[in-house]
Structures are given as structure tokens and as C-alpha cells.
N, C-alpha and C. Protein backbone atom coordinates (compact mmCIF):
# COMPACT_ATOMS: atom_id res chain seq x y z
N GLY A 1 0.82 -1.19 0.00
CA GLY A 1 0.00 0.00 0.00
C GLY A 1 0.86 1.25 0.00
N LEU A 2 0.42 2.26 -0.75
CA LEU A 2 1.09 3.56 -0.82
C LEU A 2 0.23 4.57 -0.06
N TYR A 3 0.83 5.26 0.91
CA TYR A 3 0.12 6.20 1.76
C TYR A 3 0.76 7.59 1.70
N ALA A 4 -0.03 8.60 2.02
CA ALA A 4 0.49 9.96 2.17
C ALA A 4 1.06 10.12 3.57
N LYS A 5 2.34 10.48 3.66
CA LYS A 5 2.95 10.69 4.98
C LYS A 5 2.49 12.02 5.58
N GLU A 6 2.35 13.00 4.71
CA GLU A 6 1.80 14.31 5.07
C GLU A 6 0.74 14.66 4.02
N ASN A 7 0.03 15.73 4.24
CA ASN A 7 -0.95 16.15 3.24
C ASN A 7 -0.26 16.40 1.90
N ILE A 8 -0.83 15.86 0.82
CA ILE A 8 -0.29 16.05 -0.52
C ILE A 8 -1.19 17.07 -1.23
N TYR A 9 -0.56 18.11 -1.82
CA TYR A 9 -1.31 19.21 -2.42
C TYR A 9 -1.19 19.20 -3.94
N LEU A 10 -2.24 19.67 -4.57
CA LEU A 10 -2.25 19.91 -6.01
C LEU A 10 -3.02 21.21 -6.23
N ASN A 11 -2.30 22.19 -6.82
CA ASN A 11 -2.88 23.53 -7.05
C ASN A 11 -3.43 24.12 -5.75
N ASN A 12 -2.61 23.99 -4.70
CA ASN A 12 -2.93 24.55 -3.38
C ASN A 12 -4.16 23.93 -2.71
N LYS A 13 -4.59 22.77 -3.22
CA LYS A 13 -5.69 22.05 -2.61
C LYS A 13 -5.21 20.67 -2.16
N ILE A 14 -5.78 20.19 -1.06
CA ILE A 14 -5.36 18.87 -0.55
C ILE A 14 -5.84 17.77 -1.49
N LEU A 15 -4.86 17.07 -2.04
CA LEU A 15 -5.18 15.94 -2.92
C LEU A 15 -5.35 14.65 -2.10
N TYR A 16 -4.42 14.46 -1.17
CA TYR A 16 -4.49 13.31 -0.27
C TYR A 16 -4.18 13.79 1.15
N GLN A 17 -4.95 13.31 2.09
CA GLN A 17 -4.71 13.68 3.48
C GLN A 17 -3.67 12.76 4.12
N LYS A 18 -3.10 13.23 5.21
CA LYS A 18 -2.08 12.46 5.92
C LYS A 18 -2.61 11.07 6.28
N ASP A 19 -1.78 10.04 6.00
CA ASP A 19 -2.07 8.62 6.27
C ASP A 19 -3.20 8.05 5.41
N GLU A 20 -3.60 8.76 4.39
CA GLU A 20 -4.62 8.24 3.47
C GLU A 20 -4.01 7.20 2.54
N LEU A 21 -4.72 6.09 2.37
CA LEU A 21 -4.27 5.07 1.42
C LEU A 21 -4.54 5.57 0.01
N ILE A 22 -3.47 5.71 -0.77
CA ILE A 22 -3.58 6.25 -2.13
C ILE A 22 -3.80 5.14 -3.15
N ASP A 23 -3.05 4.05 -2.99
CA ASP A 23 -3.13 2.96 -3.96
C ASP A 23 -2.57 1.69 -3.33
N LYS A 24 -3.00 0.57 -3.82
CA LYS A 24 -2.42 -0.70 -3.38
C LYS A 24 -2.34 -1.66 -4.56
N LYS A 25 -1.26 -2.38 -4.63
CA LYS A 25 -1.01 -3.28 -5.76
C LYS A 25 -0.34 -4.56 -5.27
N ASN A 26 -0.44 -5.59 -6.11
CA ASN A 26 0.28 -6.84 -5.86
C ASN A 26 1.58 -6.86 -6.65
N THR A 27 2.60 -7.47 -6.08
CA THR A 27 3.87 -7.57 -6.78
C THR A 27 3.76 -8.51 -7.98
N LYS A 28 4.51 -8.20 -9.01
CA LYS A 28 4.69 -9.08 -10.17
C LYS A 28 6.17 -9.27 -10.35
N GLU A 29 6.61 -10.54 -10.20
CA GLU A 29 8.03 -10.86 -10.20
C GLU A 29 8.77 -10.04 -9.14
N GLY A 30 8.08 -9.80 -8.03
CA GLY A 30 8.70 -9.10 -6.91
C GLY A 30 8.73 -7.59 -7.02
N LYS A 31 8.04 -7.02 -8.01
CA LYS A 31 8.12 -5.57 -8.22
C LYS A 31 6.74 -4.92 -8.28
N ILE A 32 6.70 -3.65 -7.87
CA ILE A 32 5.51 -2.80 -8.00
C ILE A 32 5.97 -1.42 -8.46
N ILE A 33 5.22 -0.79 -9.35
CA ILE A 33 5.52 0.58 -9.77
C ILE A 33 4.31 1.47 -9.48
N PHE A 34 4.52 2.49 -8.67
CA PHE A 34 3.52 3.53 -8.45
C PHE A 34 3.96 4.75 -9.25
N SER A 35 3.15 5.17 -10.19
CA SER A 35 3.56 6.25 -11.10
C SER A 35 2.56 7.41 -11.08
N ASN A 36 2.94 8.50 -11.78
CA ASN A 36 2.09 9.70 -11.91
C ASN A 36 1.70 10.29 -10.54
N LEU A 37 2.68 10.35 -9.65
CA LEU A 37 2.44 10.88 -8.32
C LEU A 37 2.87 12.34 -8.23
N GLU A 38 2.16 13.10 -7.42
CA GLU A 38 2.56 14.48 -7.16
C GLU A 38 3.75 14.50 -6.21
N LEU A 39 4.54 15.55 -6.28
CA LEU A 39 5.66 15.66 -5.36
C LEU A 39 5.14 15.74 -3.92
N GLY A 40 5.89 15.14 -3.01
CA GLY A 40 5.48 15.14 -1.62
C GLY A 40 6.08 13.97 -0.86
N GLU A 41 5.64 13.81 0.37
CA GLU A 41 6.15 12.75 1.24
C GLU A 41 5.13 11.62 1.34
N TYR A 42 5.61 10.40 1.07
CA TYR A 42 4.76 9.21 1.08
C TYR A 42 5.43 8.14 1.95
N TYR A 43 4.70 7.06 2.16
CA TYR A 43 5.34 5.86 2.72
C TYR A 43 4.65 4.62 2.15
N ILE A 44 5.41 3.55 2.13
CA ILE A 44 4.93 2.26 1.61
C ILE A 44 4.85 1.28 2.78
N LYS A 45 3.79 0.49 2.80
CA LYS A 45 3.60 -0.50 3.86
C LYS A 45 3.07 -1.80 3.27
N GLU A 46 3.67 -2.90 3.69
CA GLU A 46 3.22 -4.20 3.20
C GLU A 46 1.90 -4.57 3.88
N LEU A 47 0.92 -4.94 3.08
CA LEU A 47 -0.41 -5.27 3.60
C LEU A 47 -0.66 -6.77 3.69
N GLN A 48 -0.05 -7.52 2.80
CA GLN A 48 -0.28 -8.96 2.76
C GLN A 48 0.93 -9.62 2.10
N THR A 49 1.23 -10.82 2.55
CA THR A 49 2.36 -11.55 1.99
C THR A 49 2.01 -13.03 1.92
N PRO A 50 2.66 -13.82 1.06
CA PRO A 50 2.38 -15.26 1.01
C PRO A 50 2.54 -15.91 2.38
N ASP A 51 1.78 -16.98 2.62
CA ASP A 51 1.70 -17.61 3.95
C ASP A 51 3.05 -18.02 4.51
N LYS A 52 3.98 -18.41 3.65
CA LYS A 52 5.24 -18.93 4.17
C LYS A 52 6.21 -17.83 4.59
N TYR A 53 5.81 -16.55 4.39
CA TYR A 53 6.69 -15.43 4.77
C TYR A 53 6.12 -14.64 5.93
N ILE A 54 7.00 -13.97 6.66
CA ILE A 54 6.61 -13.10 7.77
C ILE A 54 6.25 -11.74 7.22
N LEU A 55 5.08 -11.23 7.61
CA LEU A 55 4.63 -9.91 7.16
C LEU A 55 5.54 -8.83 7.74
N ASP A 56 5.96 -7.89 6.88
CA ASP A 56 6.79 -6.76 7.30
C ASP A 56 5.87 -5.58 7.64
N ASN A 57 5.84 -5.21 8.91
CA ASN A 57 4.93 -4.14 9.36
C ASN A 57 5.57 -2.75 9.35
N LYS A 58 6.79 -2.64 8.88
CA LYS A 58 7.48 -1.34 8.89
C LYS A 58 6.90 -0.41 7.82
N LYS A 59 7.09 0.88 8.08
CA LYS A 59 6.74 1.90 7.09
C LYS A 59 8.03 2.37 6.41
N TYR A 60 8.00 2.40 5.08
CA TYR A 60 9.18 2.80 4.30
C TYR A 60 8.89 4.15 3.64
N ASP A 61 9.65 5.15 4.07
CA ASP A 61 9.42 6.51 3.57
C ASP A 61 9.86 6.68 2.12
N VAL A 62 9.06 7.45 1.38
CA VAL A 62 9.37 7.80 -0.01
C VAL A 62 9.19 9.32 -0.14
N ASN A 63 10.27 10.04 -0.38
CA ASN A 63 10.22 11.50 -0.49
C ASN A 63 10.46 11.92 -1.94
N LEU A 64 9.41 12.38 -2.57
CA LEU A 64 9.51 12.86 -3.95
C LEU A 64 9.68 14.38 -3.91
N ILE A 65 10.92 14.81 -4.03
CA ILE A 65 11.27 16.22 -3.87
C ILE A 65 11.77 16.80 -5.19
N TYR A 66 11.37 18.02 -5.45
CA TYR A 66 11.81 18.72 -6.67
C TYR A 66 13.33 18.83 -6.69
N LYS A 67 13.90 18.52 -7.86
CA LYS A 67 15.36 18.56 -8.00
C LYS A 67 15.79 19.79 -8.80
N ASP A 68 15.41 19.84 -10.09
CA ASP A 68 15.70 21.01 -10.93
C ASP A 68 14.81 20.95 -12.16
N GLU A 69 14.84 22.00 -12.96
CA GLU A 69 13.94 22.09 -14.12
C GLU A 69 14.29 21.11 -15.23
N ASP A 70 15.49 20.56 -15.17
CA ASP A 70 15.89 19.58 -16.20
C ASP A 70 15.46 18.15 -15.85
N THR A 71 15.06 17.93 -14.60
CA THR A 71 14.64 16.59 -14.17
C THR A 71 13.13 16.48 -14.29
N LYS A 72 12.69 15.73 -15.27
CA LYS A 72 11.26 15.62 -15.53
C LYS A 72 10.56 14.61 -14.61
N GLU A 73 11.33 13.65 -14.15
CA GLU A 73 10.72 12.61 -13.32
C GLU A 73 11.62 12.29 -12.13
N ILE A 74 11.05 12.24 -10.97
CA ILE A 74 11.78 11.86 -9.76
C ILE A 74 11.54 10.37 -9.50
N LEU A 75 12.63 9.65 -9.38
CA LEU A 75 12.54 8.19 -9.18
C LEU A 75 13.07 7.83 -7.80
N GLU A 76 12.28 7.10 -7.06
CA GLU A 76 12.67 6.63 -5.72
C GLU A 76 12.48 5.12 -5.68
N ILE A 77 13.52 4.41 -5.23
CA ILE A 77 13.47 2.94 -5.18
C ILE A 77 13.46 2.49 -3.72
N VAL A 78 12.52 1.64 -3.41
CA VAL A 78 12.40 1.08 -2.06
C VAL A 78 12.50 -0.44 -2.14
N THR A 79 13.35 -1.01 -1.29
CA THR A 79 13.50 -2.47 -1.25
C THR A 79 12.99 -3.00 0.09
N ILE A 80 12.08 -3.93 0.01
CA ILE A 80 11.53 -4.57 1.21
C ILE A 80 11.90 -6.05 1.19
N LYS A 81 12.44 -6.52 2.29
CA LYS A 81 12.83 -7.93 2.39
C LYS A 81 11.82 -8.70 3.23
N ASN A 82 11.47 -9.88 2.74
CA ASN A 82 10.61 -10.78 3.51
C ASN A 82 11.42 -12.01 3.94
N TYR A 83 11.22 -12.41 5.16
CA TYR A 83 11.94 -13.57 5.68
C TYR A 83 10.97 -14.74 5.86
N PRO A 84 11.40 -15.95 5.49
CA PRO A 84 10.50 -17.10 5.59
C PRO A 84 10.17 -17.44 7.04
N LYS A 85 8.96 -17.93 7.26
CA LYS A 85 8.58 -18.39 8.59
C LYS A 85 9.34 -19.68 8.91
N LYS A 86 9.84 -19.76 10.14
CA LYS A 86 10.63 -20.92 10.53
C LYS A 86 10.17 -21.47 11.87
N GLY A 87 10.50 -22.72 12.09
CA GLY A 87 10.32 -23.38 13.37
C GLY A 87 11.61 -24.11 13.71
N LYS A 88 11.63 -24.77 14.86
CA LYS A 88 12.86 -25.44 15.30
C LYS A 88 12.66 -26.95 15.35
N LEU A 89 13.63 -27.68 14.79
CA LEU A 89 13.67 -29.13 14.91
C LEU A 89 14.68 -29.50 15.99
N ILE A 90 14.23 -30.34 16.94
CA ILE A 90 15.14 -30.91 17.94
C ILE A 90 15.09 -32.43 17.78
N PHE A 91 16.14 -32.97 17.18
CA PHE A 91 16.21 -34.41 16.92
C PHE A 91 17.06 -35.06 18.01
N ASN A 92 16.54 -36.17 18.56
CA ASN A 92 17.23 -36.87 19.65
C ASN A 92 17.48 -38.32 19.26
N LYS A 93 18.73 -38.71 19.19
CA LYS A 93 19.11 -40.10 18.93
C LYS A 93 19.52 -40.73 20.25
N ILE A 94 18.78 -41.79 20.68
CA ILE A 94 19.02 -42.37 21.99
C ILE A 94 19.19 -43.88 21.93
N ASP A 95 19.90 -44.38 22.95
CA ASP A 95 20.08 -45.81 23.13
C ASP A 95 18.76 -46.41 23.60
N SER A 96 18.31 -47.48 22.95
CA SER A 96 17.00 -48.07 23.26
C SER A 96 16.93 -48.63 24.67
N LEU A 97 18.06 -48.97 25.26
CA LEU A 97 18.08 -49.55 26.60
C LEU A 97 18.32 -48.48 27.67
N THR A 98 19.39 -47.70 27.51
CA THR A 98 19.77 -46.72 28.54
C THR A 98 19.04 -45.39 28.39
N LYS A 99 18.50 -45.13 27.20
CA LYS A 99 17.84 -43.86 26.86
C LYS A 99 18.82 -42.68 26.87
N LEU A 100 20.11 -42.97 26.81
CA LEU A 100 21.12 -41.92 26.73
C LEU A 100 21.37 -41.54 25.28
N GLY A 101 21.85 -40.31 25.06
CA GLY A 101 22.11 -39.83 23.71
C GLY A 101 23.24 -40.58 23.02
N ILE A 102 23.10 -40.74 21.70
CA ILE A 102 24.13 -41.42 20.89
C ILE A 102 24.74 -40.40 19.94
N GLU A 103 26.04 -40.20 20.04
CA GLU A 103 26.71 -39.22 19.19
C GLU A 103 27.15 -39.84 17.86
N ASN A 104 27.42 -38.96 16.90
CA ASN A 104 28.05 -39.31 15.62
C ASN A 104 27.19 -40.21 14.73
N THR A 105 25.86 -40.14 14.88
CA THR A 105 24.96 -40.83 13.96
C THR A 105 24.69 -39.91 12.77
N LEU A 106 24.82 -40.43 11.56
CA LEU A 106 24.61 -39.62 10.36
C LEU A 106 23.13 -39.63 9.98
N ILE A 107 22.53 -38.43 9.94
CA ILE A 107 21.11 -38.27 9.66
C ILE A 107 20.92 -37.45 8.39
N GLU A 108 19.99 -37.87 7.54
CA GLU A 108 19.63 -37.11 6.33
C GLU A 108 18.22 -36.56 6.49
N ILE A 109 18.05 -35.29 6.13
CA ILE A 109 16.75 -34.62 6.22
C ILE A 109 16.30 -34.24 4.81
N TYR A 110 15.06 -34.58 4.47
CA TYR A 110 14.53 -34.36 3.12
C TYR A 110 13.28 -33.47 3.18
N LYS A 111 13.13 -32.67 2.13
CA LYS A 111 11.89 -31.92 1.91
C LYS A 111 11.53 -32.05 0.44
N ASP A 112 10.28 -32.46 0.17
CA ASP A 112 9.84 -32.72 -1.20
C ASP A 112 10.77 -33.70 -1.90
N ASP A 113 11.19 -34.73 -1.14
CA ASP A 113 12.09 -35.79 -1.63
C ASP A 113 13.46 -35.27 -2.06
N GLU A 114 13.81 -34.08 -1.64
CA GLU A 114 15.12 -33.51 -1.95
C GLU A 114 15.95 -33.43 -0.67
N LEU A 115 17.17 -33.96 -0.72
CA LEU A 115 18.06 -33.93 0.44
C LEU A 115 18.48 -32.48 0.70
N ILE A 116 18.19 -31.98 1.92
CA ILE A 116 18.55 -30.60 2.23
C ILE A 116 19.61 -30.52 3.34
N TYR A 117 19.71 -31.56 4.17
CA TYR A 117 20.73 -31.57 5.22
C TYR A 117 21.25 -32.99 5.42
N GLU A 118 22.54 -33.08 5.69
CA GLU A 118 23.18 -34.33 6.07
C GLU A 118 24.08 -34.00 7.26
N LEU A 119 23.65 -34.43 8.45
CA LEU A 119 24.31 -33.98 9.67
C LEU A 119 24.54 -35.16 10.62
N ARG A 120 25.52 -34.99 11.52
CA ARG A 120 25.80 -35.99 12.54
C ARG A 120 25.36 -35.47 13.91
N THR A 121 24.89 -36.39 14.74
CA THR A 121 24.43 -36.00 16.07
C THR A 121 25.61 -35.54 16.93
N SER A 122 25.31 -34.64 17.86
CA SER A 122 26.32 -34.08 18.75
C SER A 122 26.67 -35.07 19.86
N GLU A 123 27.49 -34.64 20.81
CA GLU A 123 27.91 -35.51 21.91
C GLU A 123 26.73 -35.99 22.74
N ASN A 124 25.71 -35.16 22.84
CA ASN A 124 24.53 -35.57 23.61
C ASN A 124 23.44 -36.20 22.74
N GLY A 125 23.79 -36.50 21.47
CA GLY A 125 22.87 -37.21 20.58
C GLY A 125 21.83 -36.36 19.90
N GLN A 126 22.08 -35.05 19.83
CA GLN A 126 21.07 -34.15 19.26
C GLN A 126 21.51 -33.50 17.95
N ILE A 127 20.50 -33.12 17.18
CA ILE A 127 20.65 -32.21 16.04
C ILE A 127 19.58 -31.15 16.22
N ILE A 128 19.99 -29.88 16.29
CA ILE A 128 19.05 -28.77 16.47
C ILE A 128 19.16 -27.84 15.26
N LEU A 129 18.02 -27.61 14.59
CA LEU A 129 18.01 -26.83 13.35
C LEU A 129 16.81 -25.89 13.30
N ASP A 130 17.02 -24.72 12.70
CA ASP A 130 15.91 -23.86 12.33
C ASP A 130 15.53 -24.18 10.89
N LEU A 131 14.28 -24.60 10.68
CA LEU A 131 13.82 -25.00 9.35
C LEU A 131 12.61 -24.17 8.94
N GLU A 132 12.48 -23.94 7.64
CA GLU A 132 11.29 -23.26 7.13
C GLU A 132 10.06 -24.16 7.35
N ILE A 133 8.90 -23.51 7.52
CA ILE A 133 7.68 -24.28 7.76
C ILE A 133 7.40 -25.22 6.60
N GLY A 134 6.80 -26.36 6.90
CA GLY A 134 6.49 -27.33 5.85
C GLY A 134 6.65 -28.76 6.34
N LYS A 135 6.48 -29.70 5.41
CA LYS A 135 6.58 -31.12 5.73
C LYS A 135 7.94 -31.68 5.31
N TYR A 136 8.49 -32.52 6.18
CA TYR A 136 9.82 -33.10 5.97
C TYR A 136 9.78 -34.58 6.36
N TYR A 137 10.89 -35.27 6.06
CA TYR A 137 11.12 -36.57 6.66
C TYR A 137 12.63 -36.77 6.83
N LEU A 138 13.00 -37.66 7.73
CA LEU A 138 14.41 -37.93 7.96
C LEU A 138 14.65 -39.43 8.04
N ILE A 139 15.87 -39.82 7.72
CA ILE A 139 16.28 -41.21 7.82
C ILE A 139 17.69 -41.27 8.40
N GLU A 140 18.00 -42.43 8.95
CA GLU A 140 19.35 -42.65 9.47
C GLU A 140 20.20 -43.23 8.34
N LYS A 141 21.22 -42.49 7.95
CA LYS A 141 22.09 -42.93 6.87
C LYS A 141 23.18 -43.86 7.38
N GLU A 142 23.70 -43.58 8.56
CA GLU A 142 24.80 -44.37 9.11
C GLU A 142 24.71 -44.37 10.63
N ALA A 143 24.62 -45.56 11.22
CA ALA A 143 24.54 -45.66 12.67
C ALA A 143 25.89 -45.37 13.31
N SER A 144 25.84 -44.96 14.57
CA SER A 144 27.07 -44.75 15.32
C SER A 144 27.73 -46.10 15.59
N LEU A 145 29.04 -46.07 15.81
CA LEU A 145 29.81 -47.30 16.00
C LEU A 145 29.24 -48.12 17.17
N GLY A 146 28.97 -49.38 16.90
CA GLY A 146 28.48 -50.28 17.94
C GLY A 146 26.97 -50.43 17.97
N TYR A 147 26.27 -49.75 17.04
CA TYR A 147 24.81 -49.80 17.02
C TYR A 147 24.27 -50.33 15.70
N ASN A 148 23.13 -50.99 15.79
CA ASN A 148 22.43 -51.41 14.58
C ASN A 148 21.78 -50.20 13.92
N ASN A 149 21.73 -50.22 12.59
CA ASN A 149 21.11 -49.11 11.87
C ASN A 149 19.59 -49.14 12.04
N ASN A 150 19.02 -47.95 12.27
CA ASN A 150 17.57 -47.83 12.37
C ASN A 150 17.03 -47.43 11.00
N ASN A 151 16.22 -48.31 10.40
CA ASN A 151 15.73 -48.08 9.04
C ASN A 151 14.39 -47.34 8.99
N GLU A 152 13.98 -46.79 10.12
CA GLU A 152 12.71 -46.08 10.19
C GLU A 152 12.77 -44.76 9.42
N LYS A 153 11.70 -44.46 8.70
CA LYS A 153 11.54 -43.16 8.03
C LYS A 153 10.57 -42.34 8.86
N ILE A 154 11.04 -41.22 9.39
CA ILE A 154 10.22 -40.40 10.28
C ILE A 154 9.77 -39.14 9.55
N GLU A 155 8.46 -39.00 9.40
CA GLU A 155 7.89 -37.80 8.79
C GLU A 155 7.51 -36.80 9.88
N PHE A 156 7.70 -35.52 9.60
CA PHE A 156 7.37 -34.50 10.59
C PHE A 156 7.02 -33.19 9.89
N THR A 157 6.34 -32.31 10.64
CA THR A 157 5.92 -31.01 10.12
C THR A 157 6.49 -29.90 10.99
N ILE A 158 7.08 -28.90 10.35
CA ILE A 158 7.61 -27.74 11.05
C ILE A 158 6.56 -26.63 11.00
N GLU A 159 6.18 -26.13 12.17
CA GLU A 159 5.22 -25.05 12.27
C GLU A 159 5.91 -23.76 12.71
N TYR A 160 5.30 -22.65 12.36
CA TYR A 160 5.91 -21.34 12.61
C TYR A 160 6.12 -21.10 14.11
N ASP A 161 7.37 -20.78 14.45
CA ASP A 161 7.74 -20.36 15.80
C ASP A 161 7.45 -21.44 16.85
N LYS A 162 7.50 -22.72 16.43
CA LYS A 162 7.27 -23.82 17.36
C LYS A 162 8.42 -24.82 17.29
N GLU A 163 8.56 -25.61 18.37
CA GLU A 163 9.59 -26.65 18.42
C GLU A 163 8.97 -28.00 18.08
N THR A 164 9.67 -28.76 17.25
CA THR A 164 9.27 -30.13 16.92
C THR A 164 10.32 -31.08 17.45
N ASN A 165 9.94 -31.90 18.44
CA ASN A 165 10.87 -32.85 19.06
C ASN A 165 10.67 -34.24 18.46
N ILE A 166 11.76 -34.85 18.03
CA ILE A 166 11.73 -36.20 17.43
C ILE A 166 12.73 -37.08 18.17
N TYR A 167 12.31 -38.30 18.47
CA TYR A 167 13.18 -39.27 19.12
C TYR A 167 13.33 -40.50 18.23
N MET A 168 14.56 -40.97 18.08
CA MET A 168 14.83 -42.19 17.33
C MET A 168 15.77 -43.06 18.16
N GLU A 169 15.40 -44.33 18.33
CA GLU A 169 16.20 -45.23 19.16
C GLU A 169 17.07 -46.16 18.31
N ASN A 170 18.18 -46.59 18.90
CA ASN A 170 19.05 -47.57 18.27
C ASN A 170 19.36 -48.68 19.27
N ASP A 171 19.43 -49.91 18.75
CA ASP A 171 19.81 -51.06 19.57
C ASP A 171 21.32 -51.27 19.50
N PHE A 172 21.90 -51.50 20.67
CA PHE A 172 23.34 -51.77 20.71
C PHE A 172 23.60 -53.17 20.16
N ILE A 173 24.67 -53.33 19.39
CA ILE A 173 25.02 -54.63 18.81
C ILE A 173 25.64 -55.51 19.89
N ILE A 174 25.06 -56.70 20.10
CA ILE A 174 25.60 -57.65 21.08
C ILE A 174 26.18 -58.83 20.31
N GLU A 175 27.47 -59.02 20.45
CA GLU A 175 28.13 -60.13 19.77
C GLU A 175 27.99 -61.40 20.61
N VAL A 176 27.50 -62.47 20.00
CA VAL A 176 27.34 -63.76 20.69
C VAL A 176 28.47 -64.69 20.28
N PRO A 177 29.25 -65.20 21.25
CA PRO A 177 30.35 -66.12 20.92
C PRO A 177 29.85 -67.36 20.19
N ASP A 178 30.74 -67.96 19.37
CA ASP A 178 30.35 -69.13 18.58
C ASP A 178 29.85 -70.27 19.45
N THR A 179 30.47 -70.43 20.65
CA THR A 179 30.05 -71.54 21.52
C THR A 179 28.61 -71.36 21.95
N LEU A 180 28.23 -70.11 22.25
CA LEU A 180 26.85 -69.85 22.64
C LEU A 180 25.91 -70.00 21.47
N LYS A 181 26.39 -69.57 20.29
CA LYS A 181 25.58 -69.72 19.09
C LYS A 181 25.22 -71.18 18.86
N ASN A 182 26.22 -72.07 19.05
CA ASN A 182 25.97 -73.50 18.86
C ASN A 182 24.94 -74.00 19.87
N ASN A 183 25.06 -73.53 21.14
CA ASN A 183 24.10 -73.93 22.17
C ASN A 183 22.70 -73.44 21.82
N TYR A 184 22.63 -72.18 21.33
CA TYR A 184 21.34 -71.62 20.93
C TYR A 184 20.72 -72.44 19.81
N ASN A 185 21.54 -72.87 18.85
CA ASN A 185 21.03 -73.71 17.75
C ASN A 185 20.49 -75.03 18.26
N TYR A 186 21.21 -75.61 19.24
CA TYR A 186 20.78 -76.89 19.82
C TYR A 186 19.45 -76.73 20.54
N ILE A 187 19.37 -75.65 21.37
CA ILE A 187 18.13 -75.40 22.12
C ILE A 187 16.97 -75.14 21.17
N PHE A 188 17.22 -74.38 20.12
CA PHE A 188 16.18 -74.06 19.15
C PHE A 188 15.67 -75.34 18.47
N SER A 189 16.59 -76.24 18.16
CA SER A 189 16.20 -77.50 17.52
C SER A 189 15.31 -78.33 18.44
N ILE A 190 15.67 -78.42 19.74
CA ILE A 190 14.89 -79.18 20.71
C ILE A 190 13.48 -78.59 20.85
N LEU A 191 13.43 -77.23 20.94
CA LEU A 191 12.13 -76.57 21.07
C LEU A 191 11.26 -76.80 19.85
N SER A 192 11.87 -76.81 18.68
CA SER A 192 11.12 -77.05 17.44
C SER A 192 10.51 -78.43 17.42
N ILE A 193 11.29 -79.43 17.90
CA ILE A 193 10.79 -80.81 17.94
C ILE A 193 9.62 -80.92 18.91
N ILE A 194 9.76 -80.27 20.09
CA ILE A 194 8.70 -80.32 21.09
C ILE A 194 7.41 -79.71 20.54
N ILE A 195 7.54 -78.57 19.85
CA ILE A 195 6.36 -77.91 19.27
C ILE A 195 5.68 -78.80 18.25
N LEU A 196 6.48 -79.50 17.41
CA LEU A 196 5.92 -80.40 16.40
C LEU A 196 5.16 -81.55 17.05
N ILE A 197 5.73 -82.09 18.15
CA ILE A 197 5.08 -83.21 18.85
C ILE A 197 3.75 -82.76 19.44
N ILE A 198 3.74 -81.53 20.04
CA ILE A 198 2.51 -81.00 20.65
C ILE A 198 1.43 -80.82 19.58
N LYS A 199 1.82 -80.23 18.44
CA LYS A 199 0.86 -80.00 17.37
C LYS A 199 0.30 -81.32 16.84
N LYS A 200 1.17 -82.34 16.72
CA LYS A 200 0.72 -83.64 16.22
C LYS A 200 -0.25 -84.29 17.20
N TYR A 201 0.08 -84.12 18.53
CA TYR A 201 -0.76 -84.67 19.57
C TYR A 201 -2.15 -84.01 19.55
N GLU A 202 -2.16 -82.66 19.43
CA GLU A 202 -3.42 -81.93 19.41
C GLU A 202 -4.27 -82.31 18.20
N LYS A 203 -3.60 -82.58 17.07
CA LYS A 203 -4.31 -82.97 15.86
C LYS A 203 -4.97 -84.32 16.00
N ASN A 204 -4.28 -85.27 16.67
CA ASN A 204 -4.82 -86.60 16.86
C ASN A 204 -6.01 -86.57 17.80
N ILE A 205 -5.97 -85.67 18.79
CA ILE A 205 -7.09 -85.54 19.73
C ILE A 205 -8.32 -85.01 19.00
């Protein structure tokens, strides 16, 4: 919107009163042109912006002042910046048993199926990011040393000026000695035979 900062005169008569809205337009390719204006003091104010951006409530002064008789047109350029709305992601990678943080896990974050971040968890198992509002998902690309990889795909939504907390657990890898493995195989075989006998017995009954 284009407003009169002070009364704007034409032929000694008030054309626009102070703070009167003179014109309003939508940007095209990020630009607006207000033309055929009388000399005077104006200001520009953003009235509406796309949902993903923060509205700029500032007033931007425009002073159209006479220069000389050779200058037929006074040109004033105003630049307004819009910043995207953001929220905070707090990702927590924890041990499934101890619930303690796991460091050095490689995490990939995607938006619209496009990889936008590839980060490792900190010493306390966290990744903290400011992200633009919208829908995302993350996956574990590489587990920390000593842990099984978590193949879960976690979808999440970032909302304006809010925190999104995500927890992902990992199981610690337990190595079983060969001697125990053999015992486990033996026990499993015995249990399988017992189950078969029970099923056969139940069928005969």
C-alpha cells in the first residue's frame, strides 16, 4: 500500500490527506511501480504476503522532492525484504536400553524428496536446526559405532515459531560367541521338535 505521509497538495488544494491510502497493488516478479504521483512525502507499507513469509509491518518513507527544471521525473526505489517463517527441529538419537544420547549418527533430512541436510548427532545425541515451515522426513544414513542401523523413516511437520521434538532409538550390537551360538542352535532344535510333537498330539485328539 502507498500512503500519504503528510498532506499532498495539487494547485494549493489537498489531494491526499495524511495517512490516506492512495493505492495498493500486488507484486509481479517481486516488483511494483507507483507512477504519476505528485511531489510530496509518502510511505509504503506491506499489507499482505504469502503464507510462508513473515509480514513486514514497517513503514518505508518515499520523499519525492523537486530537484531542478531539467529533471522531468523523480525516481525513488524502495527495497523490502521478507523472511520465511521458521520453526525449530530438535532431533534426539538415543540408546533403546539406557535412553542416553548417541553421538556421531549420520542423519539425512529431506523436503519434497530432496536432500537438504546431512548432519551428525552431537555428543549428547542431538541435532538442532531452524527450518522453514512445511513437511519433511528424515532417515538414518549411518549408525554410530556399535549400534544397529535404524531403518525407520520419520515424517514431521515444522510449524511457525514452534519446536518439533523427534526421538529415534538404536539397539546396541551384542556379539554372541560361537560356543553360545551353537548352544542356541541346539536349544532351538529341541524346542522345534517339542512344538511339532505337541501340534501332532493336538491334531490326533
